[in-house]
Every structure is written in structure tokens, then in C-alpha cells.
Protein backbone atom coordinates (compact mmCIF):
# COMPACT_ATOMS: atom_id res chain seq x y z
CA ALA A 1 -10.47 34.29 9.21
CA SER A 2 -12.27 36.44 11.81
CA GLU A 3 -15.76 35.62 10.54
CA GLY A 4 -17.87 32.86 12.05
CA VAL A 5 -19.28 29.97 10.04
CA SER A 6 -22.97 29.11 10.26
CA GLY A 7 -25.31 26.62 8.65
CA LEU A 8 -23.20 23.55 9.41
CA THR A 9 -24.65 20.29 10.70
CA LEU A 10 -22.36 17.85 12.53
CA THR A 11 -23.65 14.30 12.87
CA ALA A 12 -21.96 12.05 15.43
CA ARG A 13 -22.02 8.27 15.64
CA ARG A 14 -20.35 5.70 17.82
CA GLY A 15 -16.86 4.78 16.66
CA GLY A 16 -15.39 1.31 16.63
CA ARG A 17 -12.68 -0.12 18.86
CA LEU A 18 -10.37 -2.98 18.02
CA SER A 19 -7.12 -4.50 19.23
CA GLY A 20 -4.23 -5.37 16.95
CA ARG A 21 -0.88 -7.07 16.78
CA PHE A 22 2.11 -7.20 14.46
CA VAL A 23 3.01 -10.84 13.76
CA ALA A 24 5.74 -12.54 11.73
CA ASP A 25 4.88 -14.53 8.63
CA THR A 26 5.52 -18.26 8.53
CA GLY A 27 9.24 -18.91 8.04
CA VAL A 28 10.42 -15.57 9.44
CA THR A 29 13.05 -16.29 12.10
CA ARG A 30 14.35 -12.86 13.11
CA ALA A 31 12.65 -10.43 15.45
CA LEU A 32 10.13 -7.97 14.08
CA PRO A 33 11.44 -4.43 13.54
CA SER A 34 10.59 -1.76 16.11
CA GLY A 35 8.84 1.51 15.37
CA LEU A 36 5.95 0.06 13.38
CA HIS A 37 2.59 1.76 13.71
CA VAL A 38 -0.79 1.76 11.99
CA THR A 39 -2.68 4.77 10.69
CA LEU A 40 -6.33 4.88 9.71
CA ARG A 41 -6.98 6.78 6.50
CA SER A 42 -10.58 7.85 6.06
CA SER A 43 -11.91 7.05 2.58
CA SER A 44 -14.61 9.69 2.97
CA LEU A 45 -12.02 12.36 3.76
CA GLY A 46 -9.81 11.58 0.79
CA ALA A 47 -6.18 11.87 1.86
CA GLY A 48 -6.98 12.94 5.43
CA LEU A 49 -5.57 10.88 8.28
CA LEU A 50 -8.30 9.88 10.70
CA GLN A 51 -6.23 8.57 13.59
CA MET A 52 -2.96 6.95 14.59
CA ALA A 53 -2.49 3.84 16.66
CA GLY A 54 -0.77 3.93 20.03
CA GLY A 55 0.71 0.63 21.18
CA SER A 56 1.54 -0.64 24.65
CA SER A 57 4.43 -2.65 23.21
CA ASP A 58 6.32 -3.05 19.96
CA THR A 59 3.78 -5.60 18.69
CA ASP A 60 0.42 -4.88 20.36
CA PHE A 61 -1.79 -1.83 19.85
CA GLN A 62 -5.38 -0.59 20.08
CA LEU A 63 -7.45 1.57 17.76
CA ALA A 64 -10.50 3.51 18.96
CA GLY A 65 -12.97 6.00 17.55
CA ALA A 66 -12.83 4.77 13.95
CA SER A 67 -15.96 5.65 11.96
CA GLY A 68 -16.96 5.30 8.32
CA PRO A 69 -15.03 3.76 5.42
CA THR A 70 -11.41 3.45 6.54
CA ARG A 71 -8.20 1.91 5.18
CA PHE A 72 -5.32 0.65 7.31
CA GLU A 73 -1.81 1.83 6.49
CA VAL A 74 1.42 0.68 8.13
CA GLN A 75 4.13 3.25 8.74
CA GLY A 76 7.75 2.84 9.80
CA VAL A 77 8.47 -0.28 7.73
CA PRO A 78 12.30 -0.45 7.33
CA ASP A 79 14.26 -1.75 4.35
CA GLY A 80 14.24 -5.52 4.17
CA TRP A 81 10.69 -5.83 5.49
CA ALA A 82 7.22 -5.61 3.96
CA VAL A 83 3.58 -5.98 4.96
CA LYS A 84 2.36 -9.28 3.57
CA ALA A 85 -1.26 -8.96 4.68
CA ILE A 86 -3.59 -7.09 7.03
CA MET A 87 -6.28 -9.36 8.48
CA LEU A 88 -9.38 -8.04 10.26
CA ASP A 89 -10.62 -11.11 12.11
CA SER A 90 -10.58 -13.63 9.21
CA GLU A 91 -10.95 -11.09 6.38
CA ASP A 92 -8.02 -9.87 4.29
CA VAL A 93 -8.35 -6.07 4.24
CA THR A 94 -4.94 -5.22 2.74
CA ASP A 95 -5.49 -2.01 0.76
CA GLU A 96 -9.25 -2.41 1.25
CA SER A 97 -11.67 0.07 2.81
CA VAL A 98 -13.78 -1.24 5.68
CA ASP A 99 -16.46 0.43 7.80
CA LEU A 100 -15.46 0.19 11.46
CA SER A 101 -18.48 2.08 12.78
CA GLY A 102 -19.79 0.35 15.88
CA LYS A 103 -17.34 -2.55 15.56
CA ASN A 104 -16.08 -3.65 18.96
CA GLY A 105 -14.03 -6.68 19.91
CA SER A 106 -12.54 -7.19 16.44
CA THR A 107 -8.88 -8.16 16.08
CA LEU A 108 -6.44 -6.81 13.51
CA ARG A 109 -3.33 -8.81 12.58
CA VAL A 110 -0.58 -7.17 10.54
CA ILE A 111 1.55 -9.95 9.02
CA MET A 112 5.16 -8.89 8.35
CA THR A 113 7.63 -10.70 6.12
CA ASP A 114 11.32 -10.41 5.26
CA ARG A 115 10.93 -12.58 2.15
CA LEU A 116 10.52 -9.69 -0.27
CA THR A 117 9.56 -9.95 -3.90
CA SER A 118 12.03 -8.38 -6.32
CA LEU A 119 11.32 -7.17 -9.84
CA SER A 120 14.30 -5.96 -11.86
CA GLY A 121 14.83 -5.40 -15.54
CA SER A 122 16.01 -3.12 -18.30
CA VAL A 123 14.36 -0.70 -20.71
CA GLN A 124 14.79 -1.28 -24.43
CA SER A 125 14.71 1.98 -26.37
CA ASP A 126 16.24 3.71 -29.39
CA ARG A 127 17.37 6.50 -27.06
CA ASP A 128 20.97 6.59 -25.84
CA ILE A 129 19.78 7.58 -22.36
CA ARG A 130 17.05 5.21 -21.20
CA ASP A 131 16.17 6.70 -17.81
CA HIS A 132 12.46 6.11 -18.35
CA ASN A 133 9.82 6.20 -15.62
CA ILE A 134 8.80 2.66 -14.69
CA LEU A 135 5.22 1.99 -13.60
CA VAL A 136 4.27 -1.33 -11.99
CA PHE A 137 0.61 -1.84 -11.18
CA ALA A 138 -1.72 -4.74 -10.44
CA GLU A 139 -3.70 -6.09 -13.37
CA ASP A 140 -6.83 -5.88 -11.19
CA PRO A 141 -8.11 -2.27 -11.43
CA THR A 142 -9.86 -2.53 -8.05
CA LYS A 143 -6.38 -2.33 -6.49
CA TRP A 144 -5.61 1.06 -8.07
CA THR A 145 -6.59 2.97 -4.94
CA SER A 146 -4.75 5.96 -3.52
CA GLY A 147 -1.70 4.86 -1.55
CA SER A 148 -2.06 1.25 -2.68
CA GLY A 149 0.98 -1.01 -2.33
CA PHE A 150 -0.06 -2.64 -5.61
CA VAL A 151 0.94 0.48 -7.59
CA ARG A 152 4.59 1.58 -7.65
CA ALA A 153 6.75 3.91 -9.70
CA THR A 154 10.51 4.31 -10.00
CA ARG A 155 13.07 5.83 -12.35
CA ALA A 156 15.43 3.71 -14.41
CA HIS A 157 19.18 4.42 -14.53
CA ARG A 158 20.71 6.07 -17.60
CA GLU A 159 21.45 2.61 -19.01
CA GLY A 160 17.81 1.55 -18.51
CA ARG A 161 18.25 -0.69 -15.45
CA PHE A 162 15.62 -0.61 -12.71
CA SER A 163 14.61 -2.57 -9.59
CA ILE A 164 11.56 -2.58 -7.30
CA ARG A 165 11.35 -4.62 -4.09
CA GLY A 166 8.49 -5.43 -1.76
CA LEU A 167 5.52 -5.68 -4.13
CA PRO A 168 2.72 -7.75 -2.54
CA PRO A 169 3.08 -11.38 -3.70
CA GLY A 170 0.50 -13.60 -5.37
CA GLU A 171 -0.50 -10.98 -7.92
CA ARG A 172 -0.23 -10.45 -11.67
CA TYR A 173 1.37 -7.08 -12.44
CA LEU A 174 1.67 -4.91 -15.53
CA VAL A 175 4.92 -3.01 -16.14
CA ALA A 176 5.30 -0.01 -18.44
CA ALA A 177 8.14 2.40 -19.26
CA ILE A 178 7.25 5.97 -20.23
CA THR A 179 9.42 9.00 -20.89
CA TYR A 180 7.48 11.52 -18.77
CA LEU A 181 5.52 11.18 -15.54
CA GLU A 182 4.24 13.97 -13.31
CA ALA A 183 4.59 13.56 -9.54
CA GLY A 184 1.78 11.37 -8.26
CA GLU A 185 0.46 10.62 -11.74
CA GLU A 186 1.01 6.89 -11.17
CA GLN A 187 -2.07 7.07 -8.92
CA ASP A 188 -4.30 8.18 -11.82
CA PRO A 189 -6.51 5.23 -12.87
CA ARG A 190 -7.03 6.82 -16.29
CA LEU A 191 -3.30 6.65 -17.06
CA LEU A 192 -3.05 3.05 -15.85
CA GLN A 193 -6.02 2.10 -18.00
CA GLN A 194 -4.33 3.66 -21.05
CA LEU A 195 -1.16 1.65 -20.39
CA ARG A 196 -2.87 -1.72 -19.86
CA GLY A 197 -2.74 -2.84 -23.49
CA ARG A 198 0.94 -1.90 -23.95
CA ALA A 199 2.37 -3.06 -20.62
CA THR A 200 4.41 -6.21 -19.96
CA SER A 201 2.75 -8.80 -17.73
CA VAL A 202 4.54 -10.57 -14.88
CA THR A 203 3.44 -12.63 -11.87
CA LEU A 204 5.25 -12.48 -8.51
CA GLY A 205 5.01 -15.29 -5.97
CA ASP A 206 5.96 -15.15 -2.32
CA GLY A 207 9.60 -14.02 -2.09
CA GLU A 208 10.06 -14.48 -5.85
CA GLN A 209 12.69 -12.59 -7.82
CA ARG A 210 11.93 -11.89 -11.47
CA SER A 211 13.73 -10.06 -14.26
CA ILE A 212 12.00 -8.62 -17.33
CA GLN A 213 12.65 -6.38 -20.33
């Protein structure tokens, strides 16, 4: 309010600078969508956005001032497209936190694909209305990070049918149907751990379409 704050210590350090580009995956023939941009989400600040990328074209951009553990997130991805991988130099950092402090001259490649995975299915239940909440999450618990593309939730139709597109390929997923789910609760690792033993397992390859019950 109107009172000053004292006793704070601010420590500065040199931020990193890197260049980046959106590229099409092998086999993609159409032009990349416009309006894509990258945000840096600081792991140390929780949900706080650290910085946004400004690009000189639809495919090229630069990031500057990044410091501390940071995760890359891609915004503006339209229907029919998905991020297949985010590569920092030769390292796959998709949904991974990396420390960019002091990094200069590194290159970020965001690989986009239009060959989306598709997971559809139906809920079996003794209830007449089977509009359960569907949770799909990677079997690997290290991928249960906030905002991860490896954790998704949707609501089934009254008849129990559901569909989820764009899950990252090459991963084994666990699928569970529950009657009640609070907003954002799919991001709670404790809930996902409880569901592990009762969930249905499924593997999705590149562009693969699977159906389960």
C-alpha cells in the first residue's frame, strides 16, 4: 500500500541469449502456421512468466535475459498442429527445465508436426450417464510437471465417449476415468500416483491413432 518495504536483497546475474526457429517435422508438406511464439516460464517463480519471445519473422526469434531454471512453452498452436519436440542445441528440452544463465550463442529449434496422435475410447460404467473425467498422463512421473503436455484431462460425453488429440508421441500413457475432478487437479502428482495402479496403459507412436476402453 502506502508503506515502503525494507530489508530486501536483490541479486543480479547475467542472463542468457539465444536464437530460435520454428521448423517443420520430417514429412510435413504444408506451411507452418503463423502466430506462434515462445514463452519462458521460470521454474523458480512457479507459474510466473519470465519473458516472451519477439520474432523478426514467422519462424525466427530471439530470447534474451533468461536466468535460472526455465521451461520453454509454445503459445498460439492452432488445431491440427502440435509441438513434437523442443531442441536446445542437440538436447531435447521438451517440458524440461534448463538453466540459461550465461548461455550465449545457443540455438533453439521448435519442431512442429501436423501428424497428431489421437486417443479415443469409451467409459464402461454401471451408471446410465457416463460423463466421467478422463485423465491421460505419462507413465514416467518425471513428466508430471506443471503445464506439461504429457498430462491431459477431458470430459467424456453422456454416453461415455471421449477423444484427445496431440499427445506427444513415443510415450507410454496411463488413462483413468473418475467421477469427480476439481479444476487443475490433474496437475497434482499425488492424485496421479494414486491412479497409477488402476489406470489403463497405452502407447502412442508418431501420428498413431488408438482406441481404448
